C-alpha cells in the first residue's frame, strides 16, 4: 500500500506546474471538451508509466541489491534537483492537436511529453525501489490524474493561485528524503 500512496503523492506534487499540466491547460482552453482530454491523459499515462514500471522491474532483475541501492538513492536525489527546475511546454507538442482530434491529440502529446520527463523517471525509480511495478504505476497514474484533471476543468484560474515554488520544494524534499533513506539502507524498516 505504501508504494501506491507514496507514488501517488510524489507524482501529484511533482506534476503541479509540470509541462504536462500546462499541456492540459492549453488543450482544455483550445478544445473545451474535458472528457476526451481526460481519457487521453489517462491512456497516455497508463501506457507511458506502464513502460516505465516494466523498466523499473527489469532494472531490479539485473542489478545487485547494493548497486541498485546506490542507483536508486542517487536517482531520487537527482529527481529532487530536477523537480526544482521549472518546465516549459514546447509549441510543437500542441500543434499535433489540430490533426488528430481532441482524444488523439491528448493521447499523443501527453505520451510524448512524458517521455523522459521527471514523472516517468520517478516511476522507473519507484518501481525498482518498491519492487511492485503495478502498484507504483497505479499510484503514479493516480498522481497524474490528481494534478491534471483539475487543470482540465479550471485551467489558468487555478494555476495563478497555487504557490508553484512551494509545491515543487515539497516534492523535491520528498524525493530527497527517499534518496537519503535509500542510500542509508534504512528504507526497509520504513517500508521503502
N, C-alpha and C. Protein backbone atom coordinates (compact mmCIF):
# COMPACT_ATOMS: atom_id res chain seq x y z
N UNK A 1 0.82 -1.19 0.00
CA UNK A 1 0.00 0.00 0.00
C UNK A 1 0.87 1.26 0.00
N UNK A 2 2.03 1.19 0.69
CA UNK A 2 2.93 2.35 0.71
C UNK A 2 3.35 2.73 -0.70
N UNK A 3 3.57 1.73 -1.56
CA UNK A 3 4.02 2.03 -2.92
C UNK A 3 2.98 2.86 -3.68
N UNK A 4 1.71 2.57 -3.48
CA UNK A 4 0.65 3.35 -4.14
C UNK A 4 0.57 4.76 -3.55
N UNK A 5 0.57 4.85 -2.24
CA UNK A 5 0.42 6.15 -1.58
C UNK A 5 1.58 7.09 -1.88
N UNK A 6 2.80 6.59 -1.74
CA UNK A 6 3.97 7.43 -1.99
C UNK A 6 4.03 7.81 -3.47
N UNK A 7 3.79 6.85 -4.36
CA UNK A 7 3.82 7.13 -5.80
C UNK A 7 2.77 8.17 -6.18
N UNK A 8 1.59 8.03 -5.63
CA UNK A 8 0.52 8.99 -5.91
C UNK A 8 0.89 10.38 -5.43
N UNK A 9 1.31 10.47 -4.19
CA UNK A 9 1.63 11.77 -3.61
C UNK A 9 2.79 12.47 -4.28
N UNK A 10 3.86 11.72 -4.52
CA UNK A 10 5.05 12.32 -5.12
C UNK A 10 4.75 12.82 -6.53
N UNK A 11 4.07 12.01 -7.33
CA UNK A 11 3.78 12.42 -8.71
C UNK A 11 2.76 13.55 -8.74
N UNK A 12 1.76 13.51 -7.88
CA UNK A 12 0.78 14.60 -7.85
C UNK A 12 1.46 15.93 -7.54
N UNK A 13 2.36 15.93 -6.58
CA UNK A 13 3.09 17.16 -6.25
C UNK A 13 4.05 17.56 -7.36
N UNK A 14 4.80 16.58 -7.88
CA UNK A 14 5.79 16.90 -8.93
C UNK A 14 5.12 17.39 -10.20
N UNK A 15 3.90 16.97 -10.43
CA UNK A 15 3.19 17.31 -11.67
C UNK A 15 2.63 18.72 -11.65
N UNK A 16 2.46 19.31 -10.48
CA UNK A 16 1.92 20.67 -10.40
C UNK A 16 2.93 21.63 -11.01
N UNK A 17 2.50 22.31 -12.05
CA UNK A 17 3.37 23.23 -12.76
C UNK A 17 4.25 22.56 -13.81
N UNK A 18 4.14 21.24 -13.95
CA UNK A 18 4.92 20.49 -14.94
C UNK A 18 4.38 20.77 -16.34
N UNK A 19 5.17 20.44 -17.35
CA UNK A 19 4.75 20.74 -18.72
C UNK A 19 3.49 19.99 -19.13
N UNK A 20 3.26 18.80 -18.59
CA UNK A 20 2.03 18.09 -18.96
C UNK A 20 0.81 18.74 -18.32
N UNK A 21 0.97 19.35 -17.15
CA UNK A 21 -0.14 20.09 -16.58
C UNK A 21 -0.41 21.34 -17.41
N UNK A 22 0.66 21.98 -17.86
CA UNK A 22 0.49 23.13 -18.75
C UNK A 22 -0.17 22.70 -20.06
N UNK A 23 0.18 21.53 -20.54
CA UNK A 23 -0.44 20.99 -21.74
C UNK A 23 -1.93 20.76 -21.52
N UNK A 24 -2.30 20.26 -20.34
CA UNK A 24 -3.72 20.07 -20.02
C UNK A 24 -4.45 21.41 -20.04
N UNK A 25 -3.83 22.45 -19.49
CA UNK A 25 -4.43 23.80 -19.52
C UNK A 25 -4.67 24.23 -20.96
N UNK A 26 -3.65 24.06 -21.81
CA UNK A 26 -3.73 24.52 -23.20
C UNK A 26 -4.78 23.75 -23.98
N UNK A 27 -4.80 22.42 -23.84
CA UNK A 27 -5.78 21.62 -24.57
C UNK A 27 -7.20 21.94 -24.10
N UNK A 28 -7.37 22.14 -22.80
CA UNK A 28 -8.70 22.48 -22.28
C UNK A 28 -9.16 23.83 -22.80
N UNK A 29 -8.25 24.79 -22.84
CA UNK A 29 -8.61 26.12 -23.34
C UNK A 29 -8.91 26.09 -24.83
N UNK A 30 -8.18 25.28 -25.57
CA UNK A 30 -8.35 25.23 -27.02
C UNK A 30 -9.61 24.47 -27.42
N UNK A 31 -9.85 23.32 -26.79
CA UNK A 31 -10.94 22.44 -27.26
C UNK A 31 -12.21 22.50 -26.42
N UNK A 32 -12.09 22.85 -25.16
CA UNK A 32 -13.24 22.92 -24.26
C UNK A 32 -14.07 21.63 -24.26
N UNK A 33 -13.37 20.50 -24.31
CA UNK A 33 -14.01 19.17 -24.25
C UNK A 33 -13.26 18.34 -23.22
N UNK A 34 -13.66 18.44 -21.95
CA UNK A 34 -12.87 17.79 -20.89
C UNK A 34 -12.83 16.27 -20.95
N UNK A 35 -13.91 15.61 -21.32
CA UNK A 35 -13.93 14.14 -21.27
C UNK A 35 -12.89 13.51 -22.19
N UNK A 36 -12.82 13.86 -23.49
CA UNK A 36 -11.79 13.24 -24.32
C UNK A 36 -10.37 13.64 -23.88
N UNK A 37 -10.21 14.81 -23.32
CA UNK A 37 -8.89 15.22 -22.83
C UNK A 37 -8.49 14.35 -21.64
N UNK A 38 -9.39 14.16 -20.69
CA UNK A 38 -9.10 13.34 -19.51
C UNK A 38 -8.84 11.89 -19.92
N UNK A 39 -9.64 11.35 -20.84
CA UNK A 39 -9.42 9.97 -21.30
C UNK A 39 -8.07 9.84 -22.02
N UNK A 40 -7.68 10.85 -22.78
CA UNK A 40 -6.38 10.84 -23.44
C UNK A 40 -5.24 10.88 -22.43
N UNK A 41 -5.39 11.70 -21.39
CA UNK A 41 -4.38 11.76 -20.32
C UNK A 41 -4.26 10.41 -19.63
N UNK A 42 -5.41 9.80 -19.32
CA UNK A 42 -5.42 8.51 -18.63
C UNK A 42 -4.71 7.44 -19.45
N UNK A 43 -5.09 7.28 -20.72
CA UNK A 43 -4.49 6.23 -21.54
C UNK A 43 -3.00 6.49 -21.79
N UNK A 44 -2.64 7.73 -22.07
CA UNK A 44 -1.23 8.06 -22.30
C UNK A 44 -0.40 7.77 -21.06
N UNK A 45 -0.94 8.08 -19.89
CA UNK A 45 -0.22 7.85 -18.64
C UNK A 45 -0.08 6.36 -18.35
N UNK A 46 -1.16 5.61 -18.57
CA UNK A 46 -1.10 4.16 -18.33
C UNK A 46 -0.03 3.53 -19.22
N UNK A 47 -0.01 3.90 -20.50
CA UNK A 47 0.98 3.32 -21.42
C UNK A 47 2.39 3.76 -21.02
N UNK A 48 2.58 5.07 -20.84
CA UNK A 48 3.90 5.60 -20.54
C UNK A 48 4.43 5.08 -19.21
N UNK A 49 3.64 5.16 -18.18
CA UNK A 49 4.10 4.73 -16.87
C UNK A 49 4.15 3.21 -16.76
N UNK A 50 3.31 2.51 -17.54
CA UNK A 50 3.41 1.05 -17.61
C UNK A 50 4.76 0.62 -18.14
N UNK A 51 5.21 1.28 -19.20
CA UNK A 51 6.54 1.00 -19.74
C UNK A 51 7.63 1.34 -18.73
N UNK A 52 7.46 2.46 -18.03
CA UNK A 52 8.43 2.87 -17.02
C UNK A 52 8.47 1.87 -15.86
N UNK A 53 7.30 1.40 -15.44
CA UNK A 53 7.23 0.40 -14.37
C UNK A 53 7.90 -0.90 -14.78
N UNK A 54 7.69 -1.31 -16.03
CA UNK A 54 8.34 -2.53 -16.53
C UNK A 54 9.85 -2.36 -16.54
N UNK A 55 10.31 -1.18 -16.93
CA UNK A 55 11.75 -0.91 -16.92
C UNK A 55 12.29 -0.96 -15.50
N UNK A 56 11.56 -0.40 -14.56
CA UNK A 56 11.98 -0.46 -13.16
C UNK A 56 12.06 -1.88 -12.65
N UNK A 57 11.10 -2.72 -13.03
CA UNK A 57 11.13 -4.13 -12.62
C UNK A 57 12.33 -4.85 -13.25
N UNK A 58 12.61 -4.54 -14.50
CA UNK A 58 13.75 -5.15 -15.19
C UNK A 58 15.06 -4.76 -14.51
N UNK A 59 15.17 -3.48 -14.15
CA UNK A 59 16.40 -2.99 -13.51
C UNK A 59 16.68 -3.79 -12.24
N UNK A 60 15.63 -4.11 -11.48
CA UNK A 60 15.84 -4.86 -10.23
C UNK A 60 16.32 -6.29 -10.50
N UNK A 61 16.03 -6.79 -11.70
CA UNK A 61 16.45 -8.16 -12.01
C UNK A 61 17.89 -8.24 -12.51
N UNK A 62 18.47 -7.11 -12.93
CA UNK A 62 19.83 -7.15 -13.49
C UNK A 62 20.88 -6.51 -12.58
N UNK A 63 20.46 -5.75 -11.59
CA UNK A 63 21.43 -5.11 -10.70
C UNK A 63 21.42 -5.78 -9.34
N UNK A 64 22.58 -5.86 -8.74
CA UNK A 64 22.66 -6.42 -7.39
C UNK A 64 21.99 -5.43 -6.43
N UNK A 65 21.53 -5.91 -5.29
CA UNK A 65 20.87 -5.01 -4.32
C UNK A 65 21.75 -3.83 -3.91
N UNK A 66 23.06 -4.05 -3.78
CA UNK A 66 23.96 -2.97 -3.37
C UNK A 66 24.05 -1.89 -4.45
N UNK A 67 24.24 -2.32 -5.70
CA UNK A 67 24.32 -1.36 -6.81
C UNK A 67 22.97 -0.67 -6.99
N UNK A 68 21.89 -1.42 -6.91
CA UNK A 68 20.55 -0.87 -7.06
C UNK A 68 20.29 0.20 -6.01
N UNK A 69 20.71 -0.05 -4.78
CA UNK A 69 20.52 0.93 -3.71
C UNK A 69 21.18 2.26 -4.07
N UNK A 70 22.40 2.22 -4.58
CA UNK A 70 23.11 3.45 -4.95
C UNK A 70 22.46 4.11 -6.16
N UNK A 71 22.10 3.32 -7.16
CA UNK A 71 21.45 3.88 -8.35
C UNK A 71 20.14 4.57 -7.97
N UNK A 72 19.34 3.90 -7.17
CA UNK A 72 18.06 4.46 -6.77
C UNK A 72 18.22 5.68 -5.87
N UNK A 73 19.10 5.57 -4.90
CA UNK A 73 19.32 6.70 -4.00
C UNK A 73 19.76 7.94 -4.74
N UNK A 74 20.73 7.78 -5.65
CA UNK A 74 21.19 8.92 -6.44
C UNK A 74 20.13 9.40 -7.42
N UNK A 75 19.32 8.47 -7.94
CA UNK A 75 18.23 8.85 -8.85
C UNK A 75 17.20 9.71 -8.12
N UNK A 76 16.84 9.32 -6.91
CA UNK A 76 15.87 10.11 -6.14
C UNK A 76 16.43 11.50 -5.83
N UNK A 77 17.70 11.58 -5.49
CA UNK A 77 18.31 12.88 -5.22
C UNK A 77 18.34 13.72 -6.50
N UNK A 78 18.66 13.08 -7.63
CA UNK A 78 18.61 13.77 -8.92
C UNK A 78 17.21 14.27 -9.23
N UNK A 79 16.20 13.47 -8.91
CA UNK A 79 14.81 13.88 -9.11
C UNK A 79 14.48 15.09 -8.24
N UNK A 80 15.02 15.13 -7.02
CA UNK A 80 14.78 16.27 -6.15
C UNK A 80 15.30 17.55 -6.79
N UNK A 81 16.48 17.48 -7.35
CA UNK A 81 17.07 18.66 -8.01
C UNK A 81 16.26 19.03 -9.25
N UNK A 82 15.93 18.03 -10.07
CA UNK A 82 15.18 18.25 -11.31
C UNK A 82 13.81 18.87 -11.04
N UNK A 83 13.18 18.47 -9.93
CA UNK A 83 11.85 18.98 -9.59
C UNK A 83 11.88 20.48 -9.32
N UNK A 84 13.02 20.99 -8.89
CA UNK A 84 13.13 22.42 -8.61
C UNK A 84 13.31 23.27 -9.87
N UNK A 85 13.53 22.62 -11.02
CA UNK A 85 13.71 23.34 -12.29
C UNK A 85 12.35 23.42 -12.98
N UNK A 86 11.83 24.63 -13.23
CA UNK A 86 10.51 24.76 -13.86
C UNK A 86 10.50 24.23 -15.29
N UNK A 87 9.37 23.64 -15.66
CA UNK A 87 9.18 23.13 -17.02
C UNK A 87 8.55 24.19 -17.91
N UNK A 88 8.83 24.09 -19.18
CA UNK A 88 8.17 24.92 -20.19
C UNK A 88 7.61 23.97 -21.24
N UNK A 89 6.46 24.32 -21.78
CA UNK A 89 5.84 23.50 -22.80
C UNK A 89 6.34 23.94 -24.18
N UNK A 90 6.54 22.99 -25.04
CA UNK A 90 7.01 23.30 -26.38
C UNK A 90 5.81 23.41 -27.32
N UNK A 91 5.87 24.40 -28.23
CA UNK A 91 4.75 24.64 -29.15
C UNK A 91 4.44 23.43 -30.02
N UNK A 92 5.45 22.69 -30.44
CA UNK A 92 5.20 21.56 -31.34
C UNK A 92 4.35 20.48 -30.69
N UNK A 93 4.40 20.37 -29.35
CA UNK A 93 3.58 19.38 -28.67
C UNK A 93 2.09 19.71 -28.79
N UNK A 94 1.76 20.99 -28.93
CA UNK A 94 0.35 21.35 -29.06
C UNK A 94 -0.09 21.42 -30.52
N UNK A 95 0.83 21.44 -31.47
CA UNK A 95 0.49 21.51 -32.89
C UNK A 95 -0.16 20.21 -33.39
N UNK A 96 0.17 19.10 -32.76
CA UNK A 96 -0.39 17.81 -33.15
C UNK A 96 -1.91 17.82 -33.02
N UNK A 97 -2.42 18.63 -32.10
CA UNK A 97 -3.84 18.65 -31.78
C UNK A 97 -4.72 18.95 -32.99
N UNK A 98 -4.27 19.80 -33.86
CA UNK A 98 -5.13 20.19 -34.98
C UNK A 98 -5.35 19.06 -35.97
N UNK A 99 -4.55 18.00 -35.96
CA UNK A 99 -4.66 16.91 -36.93
C UNK A 99 -5.31 15.64 -36.39
N UNK A 100 -5.33 15.43 -35.09
CA UNK A 100 -5.76 14.14 -34.54
C UNK A 100 -7.06 14.16 -33.76
N UNK A 101 -7.69 15.27 -33.62
CA UNK A 101 -8.88 15.35 -32.78
C UNK A 101 -8.47 15.49 -31.33
N UNK A 102 -9.43 15.74 -30.48
CA UNK A 102 -9.15 16.03 -29.08
C UNK A 102 -8.53 14.83 -28.37
N UNK A 103 -9.17 13.66 -28.43
CA UNK A 103 -8.64 12.48 -27.74
C UNK A 103 -7.27 12.09 -28.30
N UNK A 104 -7.16 11.99 -29.61
CA UNK A 104 -5.90 11.60 -30.25
C UNK A 104 -4.79 12.58 -29.96
N UNK A 105 -5.11 13.85 -30.02
CA UNK A 105 -4.10 14.88 -29.74
C UNK A 105 -3.62 14.78 -28.30
N UNK A 106 -4.55 14.59 -27.38
CA UNK A 106 -4.17 14.48 -25.97
C UNK A 106 -3.33 13.23 -25.74
N UNK A 107 -3.76 12.11 -26.30
CA UNK A 107 -3.02 10.86 -26.15
C UNK A 107 -1.58 11.00 -26.65
N UNK A 108 -1.42 11.49 -27.87
CA UNK A 108 -0.09 11.59 -28.46
C UNK A 108 0.76 12.63 -27.74
N UNK A 109 0.20 13.81 -27.51
CA UNK A 109 1.01 14.87 -26.90
C UNK A 109 1.39 14.54 -25.46
N UNK A 110 0.49 13.95 -24.70
CA UNK A 110 0.83 13.57 -23.33
C UNK A 110 1.86 12.45 -23.31
N UNK A 111 1.69 11.47 -24.17
CA UNK A 111 2.66 10.38 -24.22
C UNK A 111 4.05 10.92 -24.54
N UNK A 112 4.14 11.77 -25.57
CA UNK A 112 5.43 12.33 -25.97
C UNK A 112 5.99 13.27 -24.90
N UNK A 113 5.12 14.06 -24.28
CA UNK A 113 5.59 14.99 -23.26
C UNK A 113 6.14 14.25 -22.04
N UNK A 114 5.61 13.07 -21.76
CA UNK A 114 6.05 12.30 -20.61
C UNK A 114 7.33 11.50 -20.88
N UNK A 115 7.71 11.33 -22.14
CA UNK A 115 8.92 10.56 -22.45
C UNK A 115 10.13 11.28 -21.86
N UNK A 116 10.80 10.63 -20.93
CA UNK A 116 11.98 11.20 -20.30
C UNK A 116 11.67 12.30 -19.30
N UNK A 117 10.38 12.54 -19.02
CA UNK A 117 10.00 13.57 -18.07
C UNK A 117 10.27 13.06 -16.65
N UNK A 118 10.30 13.99 -15.71
CA UNK A 118 10.64 13.60 -14.34
C UNK A 118 9.66 12.59 -13.75
N UNK A 119 8.37 12.66 -14.11
CA UNK A 119 7.43 11.69 -13.54
C UNK A 119 7.65 10.30 -14.13
N UNK A 120 8.09 10.22 -15.39
CA UNK A 120 8.40 8.91 -15.96
C UNK A 120 9.65 8.33 -15.30
N UNK A 121 10.66 9.15 -15.13
CA UNK A 121 11.88 8.70 -14.48
C UNK A 121 11.59 8.30 -13.03
N UNK A 122 10.74 9.07 -12.36
CA UNK A 122 10.36 8.74 -10.99
C UNK A 122 9.62 7.41 -10.94
N UNK A 123 8.80 7.13 -11.94
CA UNK A 123 8.09 5.85 -12.00
C UNK A 123 9.07 4.69 -12.11
N UNK A 124 10.07 4.84 -12.96
CA UNK A 124 11.11 3.80 -13.09
C UNK A 124 11.78 3.58 -11.74
N UNK A 125 12.20 4.67 -11.10
CA UNK A 125 12.91 4.56 -9.83
C UNK A 125 12.04 3.96 -8.73
N UNK A 126 10.78 4.40 -8.64
CA UNK A 126 9.91 3.87 -7.59
C UNK A 126 9.53 2.42 -7.84
N UNK A 127 9.35 2.06 -9.12
CA UNK A 127 9.04 0.65 -9.43
C UNK A 127 10.21 -0.24 -9.04
N UNK A 128 11.42 0.23 -9.27
CA UNK A 128 12.61 -0.54 -8.86
C UNK A 128 12.74 -0.54 -7.34
N UNK A 129 12.49 0.58 -6.73
CA UNK A 129 12.64 0.73 -5.29
C UNK A 129 11.66 -0.16 -4.52
N UNK A 130 10.41 -0.13 -4.90
CA UNK A 130 9.39 -0.88 -4.19
C UNK A 130 9.25 -2.32 -4.67
N UNK A 131 9.79 -2.63 -5.84
CA UNK A 131 9.66 -3.97 -6.45
C UNK A 131 8.19 -4.37 -6.58
N UNK A 132 7.33 -3.38 -6.80
CA UNK A 132 5.90 -3.58 -7.03
C UNK A 132 5.49 -2.68 -8.18
N UNK A 133 5.93 -2.99 -9.39
CA UNK A 133 5.69 -2.07 -10.50
C UNK A 133 4.23 -1.76 -10.77
N UNK A 134 3.36 -2.74 -10.65
CA UNK A 134 1.94 -2.49 -10.90
C UNK A 134 1.37 -1.48 -9.90
N UNK A 135 1.71 -1.65 -8.63
CA UNK A 135 1.21 -0.72 -7.60
C UNK A 135 1.77 0.68 -7.82
N UNK A 136 3.03 0.76 -8.22
CA UNK A 136 3.64 2.06 -8.49
C UNK A 136 2.96 2.72 -9.69
N UNK A 137 2.72 1.96 -10.75
CA UNK A 137 2.06 2.52 -11.95
C UNK A 137 0.65 3.00 -11.60
N UNK A 138 -0.07 2.24 -10.79
CA UNK A 138 -1.39 2.69 -10.34
C UNK A 138 -1.25 4.01 -9.59
N UNK A 139 -0.28 4.08 -8.68
CA UNK A 139 -0.06 5.29 -7.90
C UNK A 139 0.35 6.48 -8.75
N UNK A 140 1.30 6.26 -9.66
CA UNK A 140 1.76 7.40 -10.48
C UNK A 140 0.66 7.86 -11.44
N UNK A 141 -0.14 6.93 -11.91
CA UNK A 141 -1.26 7.30 -12.78
C UNK A 141 -2.29 8.12 -12.00
N UNK A 142 -2.58 7.68 -10.78
CA UNK A 142 -3.50 8.47 -9.93
C UNK A 142 -2.92 9.85 -9.65
N UNK A 143 -1.62 9.92 -9.39
CA UNK A 143 -0.98 11.21 -9.15
C UNK A 143 -1.10 12.14 -10.35
N UNK A 144 -0.90 11.59 -11.55
CA UNK A 144 -1.05 12.40 -12.77
C UNK A 144 -2.48 12.92 -12.88
N UNK A 145 -3.45 12.06 -12.63
CA UNK A 145 -4.85 12.47 -12.74
C UNK A 145 -5.22 13.50 -11.68
N UNK A 146 -4.70 13.33 -10.47
CA UNK A 146 -4.98 14.29 -9.39
C UNK A 146 -4.48 15.68 -9.78
N UNK A 147 -3.33 15.75 -10.43
CA UNK A 147 -2.77 17.04 -10.82
C UNK A 147 -3.36 17.58 -12.11
N UNK A 148 -3.64 16.70 -13.08
CA UNK A 148 -4.01 17.17 -14.42
C UNK A 148 -5.51 17.32 -14.66
N UNK A 149 -6.34 16.52 -14.00
CA UNK A 149 -7.78 16.64 -14.22
C UNK A 149 -8.31 18.00 -13.76
N UNK A 150 -7.92 18.48 -12.58
CA UNK A 150 -8.37 19.83 -12.23
C UNK A 150 -7.89 20.89 -13.23
N UNK A 151 -6.71 20.68 -13.79
CA UNK A 151 -6.19 21.62 -14.79
C UNK A 151 -7.11 21.67 -16.00
N UNK A 152 -7.69 20.54 -16.36
CA UNK A 152 -8.60 20.49 -17.50
C UNK A 152 -9.86 21.30 -17.21
N UNK A 153 -10.33 21.25 -15.98
CA UNK A 153 -11.59 21.92 -15.64
C UNK A 153 -11.45 23.39 -15.26
N UNK A 154 -10.36 23.75 -14.62
CA UNK A 154 -10.27 25.13 -14.14
C UNK A 154 -9.16 25.94 -14.79
N UNK A 155 -8.31 25.27 -15.54
CA UNK A 155 -7.31 25.96 -16.33
C UNK A 155 -6.48 26.97 -15.58
N UNK A 156 -6.25 28.08 -16.23
CA UNK A 156 -5.33 29.09 -15.72
C UNK A 156 -5.80 29.74 -14.41
N UNK A 157 -7.09 29.69 -14.12
CA UNK A 157 -7.59 30.30 -12.88
C UNK A 157 -6.92 29.66 -11.66
N UNK A 158 -6.78 28.32 -11.69
CA UNK A 158 -6.18 27.61 -10.57
C UNK A 158 -4.68 27.83 -10.51
N UNK A 159 -4.01 27.80 -11.66
CA UNK A 159 -2.56 27.90 -11.67
C UNK A 159 -2.06 29.21 -11.09
N UNK A 160 -2.83 30.27 -11.21
CA UNK A 160 -2.41 31.57 -10.69
C UNK A 160 -2.47 31.61 -9.17
N UNK A 161 -3.22 30.70 -8.55
CA UNK A 161 -3.40 30.72 -7.09
C UNK A 161 -2.56 29.70 -6.35
N UNK A 162 -1.89 28.82 -7.06
CA UNK A 162 -1.09 27.78 -6.42
C UNK A 162 0.35 28.27 -6.30
N UNK A 163 0.92 28.21 -5.10
CA UNK A 163 2.32 28.63 -4.94
C UNK A 163 3.25 27.54 -5.50
N UNK A 164 3.54 27.63 -6.80
CA UNK A 164 4.29 26.59 -7.50
C UNK A 164 5.65 26.31 -6.86
N UNK A 165 6.33 27.35 -6.42
CA UNK A 165 7.65 27.16 -5.83
C UNK A 165 7.55 26.30 -4.57
N UNK A 166 6.55 26.55 -3.74
CA UNK A 166 6.36 25.77 -2.53
C UNK A 166 6.03 24.32 -2.86
N UNK A 167 5.14 24.10 -3.81
CA UNK A 167 4.76 22.74 -4.20
C UNK A 167 5.98 21.99 -4.72
N UNK A 168 6.77 22.63 -5.58
CA UNK A 168 7.97 21.98 -6.12
C UNK A 168 9.00 21.72 -5.02
N UNK A 169 9.10 22.61 -4.06
CA UNK A 169 10.03 22.41 -2.95
C UNK A 169 9.61 21.22 -2.10
N UNK A 170 8.31 21.08 -1.84
CA UNK A 170 7.82 19.93 -1.07
C UNK A 170 8.09 18.63 -1.83
N UNK A 171 7.78 18.61 -3.13
CA UNK A 171 8.03 17.40 -3.93
C UNK A 171 9.53 17.08 -3.95
N UNK A 172 10.36 18.10 -4.11
CA UNK A 172 11.81 17.89 -4.11
C UNK A 172 12.26 17.33 -2.76
N UNK A 173 11.68 17.85 -1.69
CA UNK A 173 12.02 17.34 -0.37
C UNK A 173 11.67 15.87 -0.19
N UNK A 174 10.52 15.47 -0.72
CA UNK A 174 10.12 14.06 -0.64
C UNK A 174 11.10 13.19 -1.43
N UNK A 175 11.45 13.61 -2.65
CA UNK A 175 12.43 12.86 -3.44
C UNK A 175 13.77 12.79 -2.71
N UNK A 176 14.20 13.89 -2.10
CA UNK A 176 15.49 13.91 -1.39
C UNK A 176 15.47 12.94 -0.21
N UNK A 177 14.37 12.95 0.55
CA UNK A 177 14.26 12.02 1.69
C UNK A 177 14.29 10.58 1.20
N UNK A 178 13.54 10.28 0.13
CA UNK A 178 13.58 8.92 -0.43
C UNK A 178 15.00 8.54 -0.83
N UNK A 179 15.74 9.48 -1.44
CA UNK A 179 17.11 9.21 -1.86
C UNK A 179 18.02 8.94 -0.68
N UNK A 180 17.94 9.77 0.33
CA UNK A 180 18.81 9.61 1.50
C UNK A 180 18.49 8.32 2.24
N UNK A 181 17.20 8.06 2.44
CA UNK A 181 16.78 6.83 3.13
C UNK A 181 17.27 5.60 2.34
N UNK A 182 17.15 5.66 1.02
CA UNK A 182 17.60 4.55 0.18
C UNK A 182 19.11 4.37 0.28
N UNK A 183 19.87 5.46 0.20
CA UNK A 183 21.32 5.37 0.28
C UNK A 183 21.79 4.84 1.63
N UNK A 184 21.10 5.22 2.68
CA UNK A 184 21.47 4.76 4.01
C UNK A 184 21.02 3.33 4.27
N UNK A 185 20.19 2.80 3.39
CA UNK A 185 19.69 1.43 3.57
C UNK A 185 18.67 1.32 4.66
N UNK A 186 18.16 2.44 5.14
CA UNK A 186 17.19 2.44 6.22
C UNK A 186 15.78 2.24 5.74
N UNK A 187 15.57 2.23 4.44
CA UNK A 187 14.23 2.16 3.88
C UNK A 187 13.46 0.91 4.25
N UNK A 188 14.15 -0.20 4.45
CA UNK A 188 13.44 -1.46 4.74
C UNK A 188 12.61 -1.36 6.01
N UNK A 189 13.12 -0.63 7.01
CA UNK A 189 12.37 -0.52 8.26
C UNK A 189 11.17 0.41 8.14
N UNK A 190 11.13 1.25 7.11
CA UNK A 190 10.01 2.17 6.89
C UNK A 190 9.09 1.71 5.78
N UNK A 191 9.34 0.57 5.17
CA UNK A 191 8.51 0.09 4.08
C UNK A 191 8.90 0.66 2.74
N UNK A 192 10.06 1.34 2.65
CA UNK A 192 10.52 1.91 1.39
C UNK A 192 11.31 0.88 0.62
